[in-house]
N, C-alpha and C. Protein backbone atom coordinates (compact mmCIF):
# COMPACT_ATOMS: atom_id res chain seq x y z
N MET A 1 -70.09 62.00 148.46
CA MET A 1 -69.54 62.61 149.55
C MET A 1 -67.83 62.33 149.61
N TYR A 2 -67.13 63.51 149.52
CA TYR A 2 -66.05 63.53 149.24
C TYR A 2 -64.94 63.55 150.43
N PHE A 3 -63.88 63.15 150.58
CA PHE A 3 -63.08 63.43 151.76
C PHE A 3 -61.44 64.01 151.35
N LEU A 4 -61.66 64.92 152.18
CA LEU A 4 -59.92 65.51 152.00
C LEU A 4 -58.97 65.17 152.97
N TYR A 5 -58.11 64.64 152.63
CA TYR A 5 -57.13 64.20 153.79
C TYR A 5 -55.94 65.14 153.55
N ALA A 6 -55.12 65.77 154.57
CA ALA A 6 -54.00 66.44 154.12
C ALA A 6 -53.07 66.45 155.38
N ASP A 7 -51.89 66.73 155.20
CA ASP A 7 -50.52 66.68 156.16
C ASP A 7 -49.55 67.52 155.65
N GLY A 8 -48.93 67.98 156.42
CA GLY A 8 -47.41 68.52 156.52
C GLY A 8 -46.47 67.92 156.91
N SER A 9 -45.12 68.34 156.54
CA SER A 9 -44.14 67.87 157.57
C SER A 9 -43.02 68.73 157.39
N CYS A 10 -41.98 68.89 158.47
CA CYS A 10 -41.04 69.78 158.20
C CYS A 10 -39.87 69.14 159.03
N ARG A 11 -38.72 69.27 158.44
CA ARG A 11 -37.37 68.34 158.98
C ARG A 11 -36.24 69.16 158.93
N PRO A 12 -35.87 69.90 160.07
CA PRO A 12 -36.36 69.97 161.45
C PRO A 12 -37.53 70.86 161.34
N ASN A 13 -38.09 71.17 162.42
CA ASN A 13 -39.23 72.34 162.33
C ASN A 13 -38.53 73.55 162.50
N ARG A 14 -38.85 74.28 161.42
CA ARG A 14 -38.07 75.37 161.10
C ARG A 14 -37.15 75.11 160.14
N GLY A 15 -37.42 74.41 158.84
CA GLY A 15 -36.40 73.82 158.24
C GLY A 15 -37.32 73.58 156.84
N VAL A 16 -36.81 72.28 156.31
CA VAL A 16 -37.36 72.14 154.96
C VAL A 16 -38.72 71.35 155.17
N GLY A 17 -39.90 71.92 154.49
CA GLY A 17 -41.18 71.37 154.55
C GLY A 17 -41.69 70.63 153.25
N GLY A 18 -42.62 69.93 153.64
CA GLY A 18 -43.44 69.11 152.83
C GLY A 18 -44.71 69.14 153.08
N TRP A 19 -45.46 68.99 151.87
CA TRP A 19 -47.16 68.93 152.19
C TRP A 19 -47.61 68.13 151.20
N ALA A 20 -48.78 67.28 151.62
CA ALA A 20 -49.61 66.51 150.44
C ALA A 20 -50.93 66.69 150.81
N PHE A 21 -51.82 66.00 149.99
CA PHE A 21 -53.07 65.70 150.19
C PHE A 21 -53.84 64.60 149.42
N VAL A 22 -54.81 64.21 149.94
CA VAL A 22 -55.32 63.14 149.16
C VAL A 22 -56.93 63.09 149.13
N ILE A 23 -57.63 63.02 148.00
CA ILE A 23 -59.09 63.45 148.15
C ILE A 23 -59.85 61.95 147.47
N LYS A 24 -60.54 61.57 148.25
CA LYS A 24 -61.14 60.38 147.89
C LYS A 24 -62.88 60.39 148.12
N ARG A 25 -63.48 59.48 147.44
CA ARG A 25 -65.02 59.27 147.37
C ARG A 25 -65.61 58.24 148.17
N ASP A 26 -66.66 58.48 148.90
CA ASP A 26 -67.35 57.38 149.66
C ASP A 26 -67.76 56.31 148.79
N ASP A 27 -68.40 56.62 147.70
CA ASP A 27 -68.95 55.80 146.88
C ASP A 27 -68.21 55.08 145.55
N GLU A 28 -67.13 55.71 145.61
CA GLU A 28 -66.27 55.09 144.22
C GLU A 28 -64.68 55.01 144.85
N PRO A 29 -64.43 53.67 145.54
CA PRO A 29 -63.29 53.43 146.17
C PRO A 29 -62.19 53.31 145.41
N GLU A 30 -62.04 53.36 143.92
CA GLU A 30 -60.85 53.42 143.17
C GLU A 30 -60.58 55.04 142.82
N PHE A 31 -61.37 55.85 143.07
CA PHE A 31 -61.22 57.38 142.93
C PHE A 31 -60.13 57.78 143.94
N GLU A 32 -59.39 58.41 143.42
CA GLU A 32 -58.12 59.19 144.50
C GLU A 32 -57.32 60.15 143.43
N VAL A 33 -57.34 61.20 144.08
CA VAL A 33 -56.35 62.29 143.77
C VAL A 33 -55.62 62.77 144.64
N SER A 34 -54.22 62.75 144.38
CA SER A 34 -53.15 63.20 145.42
C SER A 34 -52.19 64.11 144.81
N LEU A 35 -51.68 65.09 145.40
CA LEU A 35 -50.77 65.95 144.93
C LEU A 35 -49.72 66.39 146.18
N SER A 36 -48.48 66.51 146.07
CA SER A 36 -47.84 67.17 147.12
C SER A 36 -46.89 68.14 146.50
N GLY A 37 -46.03 68.78 147.44
CA GLY A 37 -45.25 69.68 147.06
C GLY A 37 -44.22 70.15 148.50
N ASN A 38 -43.02 70.88 148.20
CA ASN A 38 -42.46 71.64 149.41
C ASN A 38 -42.13 72.87 149.19
N ASN A 39 -41.04 73.11 150.45
CA ASN A 39 -40.85 74.50 150.57
C ASN A 39 -39.30 74.41 151.33
N PRO A 40 -38.54 74.78 150.90
CA PRO A 40 -37.00 74.68 151.43
C PRO A 40 -36.84 75.25 152.82
N SER A 41 -37.50 76.17 152.92
CA SER A 41 -37.63 77.28 154.44
C SER A 41 -39.01 77.14 154.63
N SER A 42 -39.44 76.44 155.76
CA SER A 42 -40.96 76.41 156.35
C SER A 42 -41.12 76.06 157.80
N THR A 43 -42.09 75.92 158.08
CA THR A 43 -42.36 75.58 159.59
C THR A 43 -43.30 74.27 159.58
N ASN A 44 -43.28 73.57 160.60
CA ASN A 44 -44.61 72.32 160.40
C ASN A 44 -46.10 72.97 160.32
N ASN A 45 -46.27 74.08 161.00
CA ASN A 45 -47.63 74.73 161.06
C ASN A 45 -47.98 75.15 159.63
N ARG A 46 -46.92 75.83 159.04
CA ARG A 46 -47.01 76.49 157.53
C ARG A 46 -47.55 75.21 156.63
N MET A 47 -46.54 74.13 156.79
CA MET A 47 -46.92 73.05 155.98
C MET A 47 -48.10 72.30 156.11
N GLU A 48 -48.66 72.13 157.41
CA GLU A 48 -50.09 71.51 157.63
C GLU A 48 -51.15 72.69 156.90
N LEU A 49 -51.01 74.05 157.22
CA LEU A 49 -51.79 74.83 156.77
C LEU A 49 -51.66 74.74 154.92
N THR A 50 -50.61 74.62 154.61
CA THR A 50 -50.67 74.76 152.94
C THR A 50 -51.30 73.43 152.41
N ALA A 51 -50.97 72.17 153.18
CA ALA A 51 -51.50 70.97 152.67
C ALA A 51 -53.15 71.12 152.55
N ALA A 52 -53.73 71.53 153.65
CA ALA A 52 -55.19 71.85 153.82
C ALA A 52 -55.79 72.80 152.74
N LEU A 53 -54.82 73.99 152.33
CA LEU A 53 -55.35 74.97 151.71
C LEU A 53 -55.11 74.39 150.08
N GLU A 54 -54.19 74.07 149.76
CA GLU A 54 -53.73 73.26 148.62
C GLU A 54 -54.95 72.12 148.17
N GLY A 55 -55.34 71.39 149.03
CA GLY A 55 -56.39 70.22 148.87
C GLY A 55 -57.63 71.12 148.72
N MET A 56 -58.10 72.23 149.44
CA MET A 56 -59.35 72.81 149.19
C MET A 56 -59.24 73.65 147.75
N LYS A 57 -58.19 74.17 147.53
CA LYS A 57 -58.01 74.80 146.22
C LYS A 57 -58.38 74.03 145.04
N HIS A 58 -57.82 72.40 145.15
CA HIS A 58 -57.89 71.84 144.10
C HIS A 58 -59.41 71.12 144.01
N PHE A 59 -59.88 70.87 145.05
CA PHE A 59 -61.05 70.55 145.24
C PHE A 59 -62.19 71.59 144.54
N GLY A 60 -61.79 72.95 145.01
CA GLY A 60 -62.72 73.74 144.41
C GLY A 60 -62.83 74.12 143.09
N ARG A 61 -61.67 73.87 142.51
CA ARG A 61 -61.34 74.17 141.06
C ARG A 61 -61.73 72.69 140.13
N CYS A 62 -61.47 71.66 140.81
CA CYS A 62 -61.60 70.48 140.05
C CYS A 62 -62.94 69.73 140.17
N LEU A 63 -63.31 69.56 141.28
CA LEU A 63 -64.28 68.69 141.75
C LEU A 63 -65.64 69.36 142.67
N ALA A 64 -65.78 70.73 142.96
CA ALA A 64 -66.72 71.03 143.78
C ALA A 64 -68.27 70.97 142.68
N ALA A 65 -68.15 71.23 141.34
CA ALA A 65 -68.98 71.19 140.79
C ALA A 65 -69.99 69.75 140.58
N THR A 66 -69.24 68.65 140.95
CA THR A 66 -69.78 67.34 140.82
C THR A 66 -69.85 66.86 142.44
N ALA A 67 -69.90 67.76 143.26
CA ALA A 67 -70.03 67.26 144.74
C ALA A 67 -71.10 67.94 145.60
N ALA A 68 -71.57 67.45 146.56
CA ALA A 68 -72.48 67.97 147.63
C ALA A 68 -72.02 68.24 148.74
N GLU A 69 -71.07 67.41 149.29
CA GLU A 69 -70.79 67.29 150.60
C GLU A 69 -69.13 66.93 150.55
N LEU A 70 -68.54 67.68 151.45
CA LEU A 70 -66.86 67.34 151.77
C LEU A 70 -66.86 67.32 153.01
N THR A 71 -65.94 66.57 153.65
CA THR A 71 -65.63 66.14 154.92
C THR A 71 -64.16 66.39 154.92
N ILE A 72 -63.39 67.43 155.66
CA ILE A 72 -61.82 67.66 155.61
C ILE A 72 -61.38 66.81 157.08
N CYS A 73 -60.37 65.97 156.90
CA CYS A 73 -59.70 65.17 157.85
C CYS A 73 -58.47 65.42 157.91
N LEU A 74 -58.04 65.89 159.16
CA LEU A 74 -56.57 66.50 159.28
C LEU A 74 -56.27 65.89 160.63
N ASP A 75 -54.97 65.65 160.84
CA ASP A 75 -54.33 65.52 162.10
C ASP A 75 -53.89 66.65 162.91
N SER A 76 -54.02 67.78 162.38
CA SER A 76 -53.60 68.89 163.07
C SER A 76 -54.96 69.62 163.53
N LYS A 77 -54.88 69.71 165.23
CA LYS A 77 -55.85 70.47 165.82
C LYS A 77 -55.71 71.84 165.64
N TYR A 78 -54.48 72.23 165.28
CA TYR A 78 -54.04 73.73 164.89
C TYR A 78 -54.90 74.06 163.89
N VAL A 79 -54.66 73.28 162.71
CA VAL A 79 -55.85 73.62 161.94
C VAL A 79 -57.11 73.75 161.71
N LEU A 80 -57.63 72.69 162.11
CA LEU A 80 -58.73 71.99 162.37
C LEU A 80 -59.70 73.26 163.27
N GLY A 81 -58.82 73.74 164.50
CA GLY A 81 -59.38 74.80 165.56
C GLY A 81 -59.70 76.09 164.67
N GLY A 82 -58.74 76.50 163.63
CA GLY A 82 -58.50 77.77 163.18
C GLY A 82 -59.85 77.85 162.21
N MET A 83 -59.88 76.55 161.42
CA MET A 83 -61.03 76.27 160.02
C MET A 83 -62.45 76.49 161.00
N GLU A 84 -62.59 75.66 162.20
CA GLU A 84 -63.95 75.47 162.83
C GLU A 84 -64.55 76.56 163.79
N SER A 85 -63.57 77.36 164.38
CA SER A 85 -64.14 78.40 165.14
C SER A 85 -63.18 79.54 165.37
N TRP A 86 -61.74 79.35 165.64
CA TRP A 86 -60.93 80.93 165.88
C TRP A 86 -60.95 81.74 164.90
N SER A 87 -60.93 81.24 163.47
CA SER A 87 -60.92 82.35 162.52
C SER A 87 -62.05 83.41 162.32
N VAL A 88 -63.13 82.97 162.98
CA VAL A 88 -64.28 83.96 163.09
C VAL A 88 -63.89 84.70 163.88
N ASP A 89 -63.35 84.79 165.21
CA ASP A 89 -62.84 85.80 166.21
C ASP A 89 -61.72 86.42 165.52
N TRP A 90 -60.87 86.01 165.25
CA TRP A 90 -59.33 86.62 164.24
C TRP A 90 -59.89 87.69 163.55
N ILE A 91 -61.10 87.32 162.68
CA ILE A 91 -61.32 88.24 161.81
C ILE A 91 -62.00 89.25 162.34
N LYS A 92 -62.89 88.99 163.30
CA LYS A 92 -63.67 90.45 164.20
C LYS A 92 -62.45 91.20 164.97
N GLN A 93 -61.39 90.67 165.32
CA GLN A 93 -60.43 91.28 165.82
C GLN A 93 -59.31 91.57 165.24
N GLY A 94 -59.62 91.65 163.77
CA GLY A 94 -58.48 92.50 163.09
C GLY A 94 -57.32 91.61 162.81
N TRP A 95 -57.30 90.18 162.64
CA TRP A 95 -56.51 89.16 162.36
C TRP A 95 -55.54 89.23 164.01
N LYS A 96 -56.24 89.43 164.74
CA LYS A 96 -55.23 89.47 166.37
C LYS A 96 -55.98 88.28 167.06
N LYS A 97 -54.95 87.82 167.92
CA LYS A 97 -55.53 86.72 168.94
C LYS A 97 -56.29 87.49 170.10
N LYS A 98 -56.88 86.64 170.92
CA LYS A 98 -57.44 87.54 172.15
C LYS A 98 -56.47 88.21 172.97
N ASN A 99 -55.29 87.90 172.92
CA ASN A 99 -53.94 88.51 173.73
C ASN A 99 -53.74 89.76 173.08
N GLY A 100 -54.12 90.27 171.92
CA GLY A 100 -53.82 91.19 171.25
C GLY A 100 -52.85 91.01 170.32
N LYS A 101 -51.95 89.94 170.24
CA LYS A 101 -50.97 89.43 169.38
C LYS A 101 -51.42 89.23 167.82
N PRO A 102 -50.51 89.46 167.05
CA PRO A 102 -51.18 89.07 165.60
C PRO A 102 -51.12 87.43 165.36
N VAL A 103 -52.04 87.16 164.50
CA VAL A 103 -52.23 85.63 164.19
C VAL A 103 -51.03 85.31 163.43
N LEU A 104 -50.47 84.22 163.98
CA LEU A 104 -49.34 83.84 163.25
C LEU A 104 -49.77 83.17 161.77
N ASN A 105 -49.13 83.13 160.93
CA ASN A 105 -49.49 82.38 159.39
C ASN A 105 -50.67 83.29 159.04
N ASP A 106 -51.07 84.59 159.28
CA ASP A 106 -52.34 85.02 158.61
C ASP A 106 -52.28 85.10 157.31
N ASP A 107 -51.21 85.04 156.52
CA ASP A 107 -51.32 84.98 155.04
C ASP A 107 -52.10 83.56 154.54
N LEU A 108 -51.74 82.59 155.21
CA LEU A 108 -52.32 81.46 154.86
C LEU A 108 -53.79 81.28 155.24
N TRP A 109 -53.86 81.71 156.62
CA TRP A 109 -55.39 81.46 157.42
C TRP A 109 -56.50 82.43 156.32
N LYS A 110 -55.82 83.61 155.77
CA LYS A 110 -56.84 84.43 155.07
C LYS A 110 -57.20 83.55 153.47
N GLU A 111 -56.17 82.86 153.25
CA GLU A 111 -56.72 82.07 152.12
C GLU A 111 -57.53 80.92 152.15
N ILE A 112 -57.39 80.42 153.43
CA ILE A 112 -58.05 79.18 153.96
C ILE A 112 -59.54 79.47 154.01
N VAL A 113 -59.76 80.65 154.62
CA VAL A 113 -61.05 81.53 155.25
C VAL A 113 -61.60 81.69 153.95
N ALA A 114 -60.94 82.26 152.77
CA ALA A 114 -61.93 82.51 151.83
C ALA A 114 -62.30 81.28 150.77
N GLU A 115 -61.40 80.19 150.80
CA GLU A 115 -61.55 78.85 150.12
C GLU A 115 -62.87 78.40 150.82
N LEU A 116 -62.70 78.26 152.39
CA LEU A 116 -63.86 77.46 152.96
C LEU A 116 -65.13 78.51 152.64
N ASP A 117 -65.15 79.71 152.54
CA ASP A 117 -66.29 80.67 152.06
C ASP A 117 -66.72 80.22 150.96
N TYR A 118 -66.01 79.59 149.91
CA TYR A 118 -66.22 79.41 148.64
C TYR A 118 -66.88 78.16 148.69
N LEU A 119 -66.40 76.94 149.17
CA LEU A 119 -66.88 75.82 149.11
C LEU A 119 -68.24 75.76 150.16
N ARG A 120 -68.35 76.33 151.09
CA ARG A 120 -69.41 76.51 151.68
C ARG A 120 -70.69 77.13 150.84
N ARG A 121 -70.49 78.15 149.94
CA ARG A 121 -71.54 78.58 149.04
C ARG A 121 -71.74 77.37 147.93
N GLU A 122 -70.76 76.80 147.58
CA GLU A 122 -70.66 75.99 146.30
C GLU A 122 -71.65 74.33 146.83
N LEU A 123 -71.17 73.91 148.09
CA LEU A 123 -71.77 72.66 148.57
C LEU A 123 -72.85 72.75 149.61
N ASN A 124 -73.62 71.55 149.53
CA ASN A 124 -74.53 71.31 150.87
C ASN A 124 -74.11 71.54 152.12
N SER A 125 -72.64 70.92 152.35
CA SER A 125 -72.18 70.51 153.41
C SER A 125 -70.66 70.55 153.46
N VAL A 126 -70.05 71.24 154.38
CA VAL A 126 -68.47 71.15 154.74
C VAL A 126 -68.54 70.93 156.31
N LYS A 127 -67.67 69.79 156.45
CA LYS A 127 -67.63 69.15 157.77
C LYS A 127 -66.19 68.92 157.97
N PHE A 128 -65.68 68.70 159.25
CA PHE A 128 -64.30 68.73 159.79
C PHE A 128 -64.31 67.38 160.52
N GLU A 129 -63.02 66.67 160.65
CA GLU A 129 -63.04 65.44 160.99
C GLU A 129 -61.41 65.43 161.74
N HIS A 130 -61.03 65.14 163.18
CA HIS A 130 -59.74 65.24 163.41
C HIS A 130 -59.42 63.31 163.18
N THR A 131 -58.24 63.20 162.38
CA THR A 131 -57.60 62.10 162.31
C THR A 131 -56.39 61.94 163.17
N HIS A 132 -56.28 60.83 164.07
CA HIS A 132 -54.94 61.02 164.75
C HIS A 132 -53.81 60.71 164.00
N GLY A 133 -52.70 61.49 163.91
CA GLY A 133 -51.49 61.12 163.15
C GLY A 133 -50.67 59.95 163.63
N HIS A 134 -50.12 59.46 162.72
CA HIS A 134 -49.33 58.20 162.79
C HIS A 134 -50.02 57.06 163.80
N SER A 135 -51.29 57.02 163.59
CA SER A 135 -52.05 55.85 164.26
C SER A 135 -52.43 54.93 163.21
N GLY A 136 -51.92 54.93 161.95
CA GLY A 136 -52.24 53.84 160.99
C GLY A 136 -53.34 54.09 160.23
N HIS A 137 -54.20 55.23 160.48
CA HIS A 137 -55.18 55.61 159.15
C HIS A 137 -54.53 55.69 158.19
N GLU A 138 -55.21 54.73 157.04
CA GLU A 138 -54.63 54.69 155.71
C GLU A 138 -54.30 56.04 155.04
N TRP A 139 -55.31 56.77 154.73
CA TRP A 139 -55.15 58.12 153.96
C TRP A 139 -54.22 59.15 154.75
N ASN A 140 -54.44 59.45 156.19
CA ASN A 140 -53.67 60.37 156.78
C ASN A 140 -52.00 59.72 156.59
N SER A 141 -51.75 58.41 156.82
CA SER A 141 -50.28 57.96 156.59
C SER A 141 -50.03 58.08 155.28
N LYS A 142 -50.76 58.00 154.30
CA LYS A 142 -50.23 58.37 152.79
C LYS A 142 -49.74 59.79 152.64
N CYS A 143 -50.74 60.59 153.24
CA CYS A 143 -50.41 62.18 153.04
C CYS A 143 -48.99 62.56 153.89
N ASP A 144 -49.05 61.69 155.22
CA ASP A 144 -47.58 62.00 155.79
C ASP A 144 -46.47 61.21 155.00
N ARG A 145 -46.56 60.10 154.56
CA ARG A 145 -45.39 59.69 153.62
C ARG A 145 -45.11 60.56 152.44
N LEU A 146 -46.25 61.09 151.66
CA LEU A 146 -46.09 62.02 150.72
C LEU A 146 -45.35 63.32 151.17
N ALA A 147 -45.69 63.87 151.98
CA ALA A 147 -45.28 65.17 152.50
C ALA A 147 -43.80 64.96 153.01
N PHE A 148 -43.45 63.77 153.50
CA PHE A 148 -42.20 63.39 154.38
C PHE A 148 -41.08 63.37 152.86
N LYS A 149 -41.51 62.47 151.86
CA LYS A 149 -41.02 62.48 150.68
C LYS A 149 -40.40 63.82 149.88
N GLU A 150 -41.54 64.67 150.05
CA GLU A 150 -41.10 66.12 149.55
C GLU A 150 -39.96 66.71 150.58
N THR A 151 -39.88 66.50 151.61
CA THR A 151 -39.03 66.97 152.47
C THR A 151 -37.32 66.74 151.95
N LYS A 152 -37.55 65.40 151.52
CA LYS A 152 -36.26 64.73 151.02
C LYS A 152 -35.82 65.44 149.68
N LYS A 153 -36.66 65.96 148.95
CA LYS A 153 -36.54 66.39 147.37
C LYS A 153 -35.63 67.83 147.67
N CYS A 154 -35.79 68.50 148.86
CA CYS A 154 -35.11 69.88 149.13
C CYS A 154 -33.71 69.71 149.71
N THR A 155 -33.12 68.50 150.15
CA THR A 155 -32.08 68.58 150.94
C THR A 155 -31.47 67.53 150.84
N LYS A 156 -30.24 67.19 151.22
CA LYS A 156 -29.74 65.95 151.35
C LYS A 156 -30.22 65.35 152.95
N TYR A 157 -31.14 64.17 152.94
CA TYR A 157 -31.66 63.93 154.33
C TYR A 157 -30.79 62.82 155.07
N SER A 158 -30.73 63.26 156.11
CA SER A 158 -29.99 62.09 157.02
C SER A 158 -30.79 61.63 157.96
N PRO A 159 -30.48 60.36 158.46
CA PRO A 159 -31.39 59.71 159.49
C PRO A 159 -31.67 60.48 160.86
N ASP A 160 -30.54 61.37 161.18
CA ASP A 160 -30.92 62.34 162.39
C ASP A 160 -31.93 63.29 162.19
N MET A 161 -32.52 63.60 161.11
CA MET A 161 -33.22 64.71 160.89
C MET A 161 -34.75 63.90 161.11
N ALA A 162 -34.93 62.81 161.31
CA ALA A 162 -36.45 62.20 161.33
C ALA A 162 -36.90 62.58 162.60
């Protein structure tokens, strides 16, 4: 069983963005894979989506062949909601919401849906778990720290941006 933790950060929101993910194994405590990146002009939602997408892509390329189960643990209810249920309706409605307006960030959502489809074909189980952000959860906190560090790589950071 593998766990994928992912988080995004943006300072300010509609500004410099960072994302990060950590992959862990339940039967091998020392196993850990983490990656992070940034975007000089983004939003928090785009960074949350990017973190999850990059984690799933890495898992699919490098680890899916050795895995049976993956649990995706996120603090973003927006990303979890889209992964678990909303995307099914968006696809049926031509990537529009129930109110007829276009789905925001549909470029990333389409990639996420494709990656989830791939993982569901390759694995016995893909599950989702909500983790409360900034609650002291070890791996969510690590993702948050890594994503925040990425925002600082793109700009001169000042404390008022926190």
